Amino acid sequence: MNERVIDPFWQFHHLGVACRDIEKDFAVWADLGYEREGEVFADQTQGIRGLFLHGAGPRLELLEDLPGRNTVAPWLEKGARICHSAYEVPNLDVDLKRLTARRARIVVEPVPAVAFGNRKICFLMLRNFSLIELIESEAR
């Protein structure tokens, strides 16, 4: 079971950071040199508002719940801030099959995402309980 499962052309994209208030969290990350990458976006399908940041470390995606939704609140209630790592993949369908064959569980089926120009994303829980997001590559 040590053979490489993922395509060598996967690209790390970002770390998802759960927060209660994007603007308050941004102010803290700005102290560390992070800058906005675009504008705050809302994704009704996922029930979140988000903002990408770039800086000295990895790209971050600040995430807060839309009113009446409960997407990131469970992470915050458990004291977790980094809620997922995301990868841009060349073939979403193939990679989903590879990962589910290794006992990863799909927790959000592929859906179009506002943040990525309606390219599809999906979320999987790995067998070590790490949540990952796969983002359909633009090249598709």
N, C-alpha and C. Protein backbone atom coordinates (compact mmCIF):
# COMPACT_ATOMS: atom_id res chain seq x y z
N MET A 1 0.82 -1.20 0.00
CA MET A 1 0.00 0.00 0.00
C MET A 1 0.86 1.26 0.00
N ASN A 2 2.12 1.16 -0.30
CA ASN A 2 2.97 2.34 -0.30
C ASN A 2 3.11 2.97 -1.67
N GLU A 3 2.48 2.40 -2.69
CA GLU A 3 2.60 3.00 -4.01
C GLU A 3 1.85 4.33 -4.04
N ARG A 4 2.37 5.23 -4.83
CA ARG A 4 1.78 6.58 -4.94
C ARG A 4 0.38 6.49 -5.54
N VAL A 5 -0.57 7.11 -4.87
CA VAL A 5 -1.96 7.06 -5.32
C VAL A 5 -2.28 8.25 -6.21
N ILE A 6 -1.72 9.41 -5.86
CA ILE A 6 -2.12 10.62 -6.58
C ILE A 6 -1.30 10.82 -7.84
N ASP A 7 -1.87 11.55 -8.74
CA ASP A 7 -1.22 11.93 -9.98
C ASP A 7 -0.06 12.87 -9.64
N PRO A 8 1.10 12.71 -10.27
CA PRO A 8 2.23 13.60 -9.94
C PRO A 8 1.97 15.06 -10.33
N PHE A 9 0.88 15.32 -11.04
CA PHE A 9 0.59 16.69 -11.46
C PHE A 9 -0.38 17.40 -10.53
N TRP A 10 -0.66 16.82 -9.37
CA TRP A 10 -1.43 17.55 -8.37
C TRP A 10 -0.63 18.78 -7.96
N GLN A 11 -1.34 19.88 -7.69
CA GLN A 11 -0.72 21.13 -7.23
C GLN A 11 -1.36 21.53 -5.91
N PHE A 12 -0.54 21.76 -4.90
CA PHE A 12 -1.10 22.31 -3.66
C PHE A 12 -1.72 23.66 -3.99
N HIS A 13 -2.91 23.96 -3.45
CA HIS A 13 -3.57 25.22 -3.74
C HIS A 13 -3.71 26.11 -2.51
N HIS A 14 -4.23 25.57 -1.40
CA HIS A 14 -4.41 26.41 -0.21
C HIS A 14 -4.73 25.58 1.02
N LEU A 15 -4.69 26.26 2.17
CA LEU A 15 -5.21 25.72 3.43
C LEU A 15 -6.48 26.48 3.76
N GLY A 16 -7.53 25.76 4.09
CA GLY A 16 -8.78 26.38 4.52
C GLY A 16 -8.71 26.71 6.00
N VAL A 17 -9.08 27.94 6.35
CA VAL A 17 -9.02 28.41 7.74
C VAL A 17 -10.42 28.82 8.17
N ALA A 18 -10.98 28.10 9.13
CA ALA A 18 -12.30 28.43 9.66
C ALA A 18 -12.21 29.68 10.52
N CYS A 19 -13.17 30.57 10.37
CA CYS A 19 -13.20 31.77 11.21
C CYS A 19 -14.65 32.23 11.40
N ARG A 20 -14.84 33.04 12.39
CA ARG A 20 -16.18 33.58 12.64
C ARG A 20 -16.40 34.87 11.86
N ASP A 21 -15.33 35.62 11.61
CA ASP A 21 -15.44 36.91 10.95
C ASP A 21 -14.22 37.10 10.05
N ILE A 22 -14.42 37.04 8.76
CA ILE A 22 -13.33 37.12 7.79
C ILE A 22 -12.50 38.39 7.99
N GLU A 23 -13.16 39.52 8.16
CA GLU A 23 -12.43 40.79 8.26
C GLU A 23 -11.55 40.84 9.51
N LYS A 24 -12.06 40.35 10.63
CA LYS A 24 -11.24 40.34 11.86
C LYS A 24 -10.05 39.40 11.69
N ASP A 25 -10.27 38.24 11.10
CA ASP A 25 -9.17 37.30 10.89
C ASP A 25 -8.17 37.86 9.89
N PHE A 26 -8.67 38.51 8.85
CA PHE A 26 -7.76 39.09 7.86
C PHE A 26 -6.82 40.10 8.52
N ALA A 27 -7.32 40.90 9.44
CA ALA A 27 -6.49 41.90 10.10
C ALA A 27 -5.31 41.24 10.82
N VAL A 28 -5.53 40.07 11.39
CA VAL A 28 -4.45 39.35 12.09
C VAL A 28 -3.45 38.81 11.07
N TRP A 29 -3.95 38.19 10.01
CA TRP A 29 -3.04 37.65 8.98
C TRP A 29 -2.28 38.77 8.28
N ALA A 30 -2.91 39.95 8.14
CA ALA A 30 -2.24 41.09 7.51
C ALA A 30 -1.03 41.52 8.34
N ASP A 31 -1.12 41.37 9.65
CA ASP A 31 0.02 41.68 10.52
C ASP A 31 1.23 40.80 10.17
N LEU A 32 0.97 39.63 9.60
CA LEU A 32 2.04 38.70 9.22
C LEU A 32 2.44 38.87 7.75
N GLY A 33 1.90 39.91 7.10
CA GLY A 33 2.27 40.20 5.73
C GLY A 33 1.36 39.62 4.68
N TYR A 34 0.26 38.97 5.08
CA TYR A 34 -0.67 38.42 4.09
C TYR A 34 -1.48 39.54 3.45
N GLU A 35 -1.80 39.35 2.18
CA GLU A 35 -2.62 40.30 1.43
C GLU A 35 -3.80 39.59 0.80
N ARG A 36 -4.84 40.37 0.51
CA ARG A 36 -6.03 39.82 -0.15
C ARG A 36 -5.66 39.36 -1.56
N GLU A 37 -6.25 38.27 -1.93
CA GLU A 37 -6.13 37.77 -3.30
C GLU A 37 -7.55 37.75 -3.86
N GLY A 38 -7.98 38.87 -4.41
CA GLY A 38 -9.35 39.00 -4.87
C GLY A 38 -10.25 39.54 -3.78
N GLU A 39 -11.52 39.39 -3.99
CA GLU A 39 -12.55 39.91 -3.08
C GLU A 39 -13.20 38.77 -2.31
N VAL A 40 -13.91 39.14 -1.25
CA VAL A 40 -14.71 38.16 -0.51
C VAL A 40 -15.78 37.63 -1.46
N PHE A 41 -15.96 36.31 -1.46
CA PHE A 41 -16.99 35.70 -2.30
C PHE A 41 -17.97 34.94 -1.43
N ALA A 42 -19.16 34.73 -1.94
CA ALA A 42 -20.17 33.92 -1.24
C ALA A 42 -20.52 32.73 -2.12
N ASP A 43 -20.59 31.57 -1.52
CA ASP A 43 -20.97 30.36 -2.24
C ASP A 43 -22.16 29.74 -1.51
N GLN A 44 -23.34 29.94 -2.08
CA GLN A 44 -24.58 29.45 -1.47
C GLN A 44 -24.59 27.93 -1.38
N THR A 45 -24.03 27.25 -2.38
CA THR A 45 -24.02 25.79 -2.39
C THR A 45 -23.26 25.25 -1.19
N GLN A 46 -22.12 25.86 -0.89
CA GLN A 46 -21.31 25.40 0.24
C GLN A 46 -21.72 26.05 1.56
N GLY A 47 -22.47 27.13 1.50
CA GLY A 47 -22.91 27.80 2.72
C GLY A 47 -21.84 28.64 3.38
N ILE A 48 -20.91 29.15 2.56
CA ILE A 48 -19.78 29.91 3.14
C ILE A 48 -19.55 31.23 2.42
N ARG A 49 -18.82 32.11 3.11
CA ARG A 49 -18.16 33.26 2.49
C ARG A 49 -16.69 32.96 2.61
N GLY A 50 -15.91 33.40 1.62
CA GLY A 50 -14.48 33.11 1.67
C GLY A 50 -13.64 34.24 1.12
N LEU A 51 -12.38 34.20 1.48
CA LEU A 51 -11.40 35.18 0.99
C LEU A 51 -10.05 34.49 0.92
N PHE A 52 -9.42 34.53 -0.25
CA PHE A 52 -8.07 33.98 -0.40
C PHE A 52 -7.05 35.03 -0.01
N LEU A 53 -5.97 34.56 0.64
CA LEU A 53 -4.86 35.43 1.04
C LEU A 53 -3.56 34.82 0.54
N HIS A 54 -2.62 35.69 0.18
CA HIS A 54 -1.27 35.22 -0.14
C HIS A 54 -0.28 36.01 0.69
N GLY A 55 0.84 35.36 0.99
CA GLY A 55 1.85 35.99 1.82
C GLY A 55 3.09 35.14 1.88
N ALA A 56 3.80 35.24 2.98
CA ALA A 56 5.07 34.53 3.12
C ALA A 56 4.90 33.03 3.23
N GLY A 57 3.74 32.58 3.69
CA GLY A 57 3.49 31.15 3.84
C GLY A 57 2.57 30.65 2.75
N PRO A 58 1.89 29.54 3.00
CA PRO A 58 0.99 28.99 1.98
C PRO A 58 -0.21 29.91 1.76
N ARG A 59 -0.82 29.80 0.58
CA ARG A 59 -2.07 30.52 0.31
C ARG A 59 -3.11 30.03 1.33
N LEU A 60 -3.89 30.97 1.86
CA LEU A 60 -4.95 30.66 2.82
C LEU A 60 -6.30 31.02 2.24
N GLU A 61 -7.31 30.30 2.65
CA GLU A 61 -8.70 30.64 2.32
C GLU A 61 -9.43 30.81 3.65
N LEU A 62 -9.74 32.05 4.00
CA LEU A 62 -10.52 32.31 5.21
C LEU A 62 -11.97 31.97 4.89
N LEU A 63 -12.62 31.24 5.79
CA LEU A 63 -13.99 30.78 5.57
C LEU A 63 -14.86 31.10 6.77
N GLU A 64 -16.03 31.66 6.50
CA GLU A 64 -17.03 31.88 7.55
C GLU A 64 -18.37 31.39 7.03
N ASP A 65 -19.24 31.01 7.95
CA ASP A 65 -20.57 30.55 7.56
C ASP A 65 -21.42 31.70 7.03
N LEU A 66 -22.23 31.39 6.03
CA LEU A 66 -23.28 32.33 5.63
C LEU A 66 -24.34 32.32 6.73
N PRO A 67 -25.11 33.40 6.87
CA PRO A 67 -26.15 33.42 7.90
C PRO A 67 -27.07 32.20 7.77
N GLY A 68 -27.30 31.56 8.91
CA GLY A 68 -28.20 30.41 8.94
C GLY A 68 -27.57 29.10 8.48
N ARG A 69 -26.30 29.11 8.14
CA ARG A 69 -25.62 27.88 7.69
C ARG A 69 -24.64 27.42 8.76
N ASN A 70 -24.21 26.17 8.64
CA ASN A 70 -23.39 25.56 9.67
C ASN A 70 -22.25 24.75 9.04
N THR A 71 -21.50 25.37 8.16
CA THR A 71 -20.43 24.67 7.45
C THR A 71 -19.13 24.65 8.24
N VAL A 72 -18.69 25.80 8.72
CA VAL A 72 -17.42 25.85 9.45
C VAL A 72 -17.59 25.89 10.97
N ALA A 73 -18.80 26.16 11.45
CA ALA A 73 -19.04 26.23 12.90
C ALA A 73 -18.59 24.97 13.64
N PRO A 74 -18.83 23.77 13.11
CA PRO A 74 -18.38 22.58 13.84
C PRO A 74 -16.86 22.54 14.06
N TRP A 75 -16.10 23.06 13.11
CA TRP A 75 -14.64 23.13 13.28
C TRP A 75 -14.29 24.08 14.41
N LEU A 76 -14.93 25.24 14.39
CA LEU A 76 -14.64 26.25 15.41
C LEU A 76 -15.04 25.78 16.81
N GLU A 77 -16.17 25.07 16.89
CA GLU A 77 -16.64 24.56 18.19
C GLU A 77 -15.65 23.56 18.79
N LYS A 78 -14.90 22.88 17.93
CA LYS A 78 -13.90 21.92 18.40
C LYS A 78 -12.53 22.56 18.58
N GLY A 79 -12.44 23.86 18.32
CA GLY A 79 -11.18 24.56 18.48
C GLY A 79 -10.23 24.42 17.30
N ALA A 80 -10.72 23.90 16.19
CA ALA A 80 -9.88 23.73 15.00
C ALA A 80 -10.00 24.95 14.10
N ARG A 81 -8.88 25.40 13.58
CA ARG A 81 -8.89 26.54 12.65
C ARG A 81 -8.55 26.08 11.24
N ILE A 82 -7.48 25.31 11.08
CA ILE A 82 -7.13 24.79 9.76
C ILE A 82 -8.07 23.61 9.52
N CYS A 83 -8.97 23.77 8.56
CA CYS A 83 -10.00 22.74 8.39
C CYS A 83 -9.78 21.85 7.17
N HIS A 84 -9.00 22.28 6.19
CA HIS A 84 -8.73 21.40 5.06
C HIS A 84 -7.49 21.87 4.30
N SER A 85 -6.94 20.96 3.52
CA SER A 85 -5.90 21.32 2.56
C SER A 85 -6.49 21.04 1.17
N ALA A 86 -6.13 21.88 0.21
CA ALA A 86 -6.74 21.80 -1.12
C ALA A 86 -5.69 21.61 -2.19
N TYR A 87 -6.06 20.83 -3.20
CA TYR A 87 -5.16 20.50 -4.29
C TYR A 87 -5.90 20.63 -5.61
N GLU A 88 -5.22 21.25 -6.58
CA GLU A 88 -5.76 21.32 -7.93
C GLU A 88 -5.33 20.05 -8.65
N VAL A 89 -6.28 19.35 -9.25
CA VAL A 89 -6.01 18.04 -9.85
C VAL A 89 -6.39 18.03 -11.32
N PRO A 90 -5.61 17.31 -12.14
CA PRO A 90 -5.88 17.30 -13.58
C PRO A 90 -7.11 16.50 -13.97
N ASN A 91 -7.51 15.50 -13.17
CA ASN A 91 -8.66 14.69 -13.54
C ASN A 91 -9.43 14.30 -12.28
N LEU A 92 -10.41 15.10 -11.96
CA LEU A 92 -11.17 14.93 -10.72
C LEU A 92 -11.78 13.53 -10.61
N ASP A 93 -12.40 13.05 -11.67
CA ASP A 93 -13.06 11.74 -11.63
C ASP A 93 -12.08 10.61 -11.35
N VAL A 94 -10.94 10.62 -12.02
CA VAL A 94 -9.93 9.58 -11.83
C VAL A 94 -9.39 9.64 -10.41
N ASP A 95 -9.08 10.84 -9.91
CA ASP A 95 -8.53 10.97 -8.57
C ASP A 95 -9.53 10.58 -7.49
N LEU A 96 -10.80 10.87 -7.71
CA LEU A 96 -11.83 10.42 -6.76
C LEU A 96 -11.85 8.90 -6.67
N LYS A 97 -11.79 8.23 -7.81
CA LYS A 97 -11.79 6.77 -7.82
C LYS A 97 -10.56 6.22 -7.12
N ARG A 98 -9.41 6.80 -7.36
CA ARG A 98 -8.18 6.34 -6.72
C ARG A 98 -8.26 6.48 -5.21
N LEU A 99 -8.74 7.63 -4.76
CA LEU A 99 -8.78 7.88 -3.31
C LEU A 99 -9.86 7.05 -2.61
N THR A 100 -11.02 6.91 -3.22
CA THR A 100 -12.06 6.10 -2.59
C THR A 100 -11.66 4.62 -2.57
N ALA A 101 -10.87 4.19 -3.54
CA ALA A 101 -10.35 2.82 -3.51
C ALA A 101 -9.41 2.62 -2.32
N ARG A 102 -8.84 3.70 -1.81
CA ARG A 102 -7.96 3.66 -0.63
C ARG A 102 -8.72 4.05 0.64
N ARG A 103 -10.02 3.93 0.61
CA ARG A 103 -10.90 4.14 1.75
C ARG A 103 -11.12 5.60 2.13
N ALA A 104 -10.81 6.53 1.25
CA ALA A 104 -11.21 7.92 1.49
C ALA A 104 -12.72 7.97 1.29
N ARG A 105 -13.39 8.82 2.05
CA ARG A 105 -14.84 8.92 1.97
C ARG A 105 -15.22 10.30 1.43
N ILE A 106 -16.04 10.31 0.40
CA ILE A 106 -16.53 11.58 -0.16
C ILE A 106 -17.51 12.18 0.83
N VAL A 107 -17.23 13.41 1.27
CA VAL A 107 -18.15 14.09 2.20
C VAL A 107 -18.92 15.20 1.50
N VAL A 108 -18.40 15.71 0.40
CA VAL A 108 -19.14 16.64 -0.46
C VAL A 108 -18.88 16.19 -1.89
N GLU A 109 -19.95 15.76 -2.55
CA GLU A 109 -19.85 15.31 -3.94
C GLU A 109 -19.38 16.48 -4.82
N PRO A 110 -18.83 16.19 -5.99
CA PRO A 110 -18.39 17.28 -6.88
C PRO A 110 -19.51 18.27 -7.17
N VAL A 111 -19.20 19.55 -6.96
CA VAL A 111 -20.14 20.64 -7.22
C VAL A 111 -19.37 21.81 -7.82
N PRO A 112 -20.05 22.64 -8.64
CA PRO A 112 -19.39 23.85 -9.14
C PRO A 112 -19.12 24.81 -7.97
N ALA A 113 -17.96 25.49 -8.01
CA ALA A 113 -17.59 26.40 -6.93
C ALA A 113 -17.38 27.81 -7.46
N VAL A 114 -18.04 28.76 -6.84
CA VAL A 114 -17.94 30.17 -7.20
C VAL A 114 -16.48 30.63 -7.19
N ALA A 115 -15.73 30.23 -6.20
CA ALA A 115 -14.34 30.69 -6.03
C ALA A 115 -13.44 30.28 -7.18
N PHE A 116 -13.85 29.27 -7.94
CA PHE A 116 -13.00 28.75 -9.01
C PHE A 116 -13.69 28.83 -10.37
N GLY A 117 -14.47 29.87 -10.58
CA GLY A 117 -15.11 30.06 -11.88
C GLY A 117 -16.02 28.90 -12.25
N ASN A 118 -16.67 28.31 -11.26
CA ASN A 118 -17.58 27.18 -11.42
C ASN A 118 -16.91 25.88 -11.83
N ARG A 119 -15.57 25.82 -11.70
CA ARG A 119 -14.94 24.51 -11.83
C ARG A 119 -15.41 23.67 -10.66
N LYS A 120 -15.43 22.37 -10.83
CA LYS A 120 -15.92 21.49 -9.77
C LYS A 120 -14.88 21.30 -8.67
N ILE A 121 -15.42 21.18 -7.47
CA ILE A 121 -14.63 20.82 -6.29
C ILE A 121 -15.35 19.67 -5.60
N CYS A 122 -14.63 18.98 -4.74
CA CYS A 122 -15.26 18.01 -3.85
C CYS A 122 -14.39 17.89 -2.61
N PHE A 123 -14.96 17.36 -1.55
CA PHE A 123 -14.24 17.17 -0.31
C PHE A 123 -14.24 15.70 0.05
N LEU A 124 -13.09 15.23 0.52
CA LEU A 124 -12.95 13.84 0.96
C LEU A 124 -12.32 13.80 2.34
N MET A 125 -12.77 12.84 3.14
CA MET A 125 -12.16 12.57 4.43
C MET A 125 -11.24 11.38 4.23
N LEU A 126 -9.95 11.60 4.48
CA LEU A 126 -8.99 10.51 4.36
C LEU A 126 -9.13 9.58 5.56
N ARG A 127 -8.57 8.41 5.45
CA ARG A 127 -8.73 7.44 6.54
C ARG A 127 -8.01 7.85 7.82
N ASN A 128 -7.15 8.89 7.75
CA ASN A 128 -6.54 9.43 8.97
C ASN A 128 -7.33 10.62 9.52
N PHE A 129 -8.54 10.84 8.98
CA PHE A 129 -9.47 11.90 9.38
C PHE A 129 -9.00 13.29 8.98
N SER A 130 -8.19 13.39 7.95
CA SER A 130 -7.81 14.68 7.37
C SER A 130 -8.78 14.99 6.24
N LEU A 131 -9.27 16.22 6.21
CA LEU A 131 -10.19 16.64 5.16
C LEU A 131 -9.39 17.29 4.05
N ILE A 132 -9.62 16.84 2.80
CA ILE A 132 -8.97 17.47 1.66
C ILE A 132 -10.02 17.93 0.67
N GLU A 133 -9.67 18.95 -0.07
CA GLU A 133 -10.52 19.47 -1.15
C GLU A 133 -9.77 19.23 -2.45
N LEU A 134 -10.48 18.68 -3.44
CA LEU A 134 -9.92 18.54 -4.77
C LEU A 134 -10.59 19.59 -5.65
N ILE A 135 -9.79 20.29 -6.43
CA ILE A 135 -10.28 21.36 -7.31
C ILE A 135 -9.96 20.93 -8.74
N GLU A 136 -10.98 20.91 -9.57
CA GLU A 136 -10.78 20.56 -10.98
C GLU A 136 -9.85 21.57 -11.64
N SER A 137 -8.85 21.07 -12.31
CA SER A 137 -7.86 21.93 -12.97
C SER A 137 -8.50 22.76 -14.08
N GLU A 138 -7.94 23.93 -14.30
CA GLU A 138 -8.41 24.79 -15.40
C GLU A 138 -8.15 24.16 -16.76
N ALA A 139 -7.12 23.35 -16.84
CA ALA A 139 -6.72 22.76 -18.13
C ALA A 139 -7.74 21.76 -18.67
N ARG A 140 -8.68 21.34 -17.84
CA ARG A 140 -9.64 20.33 -18.27
C ARG A 140 -10.54 20.79 -19.35
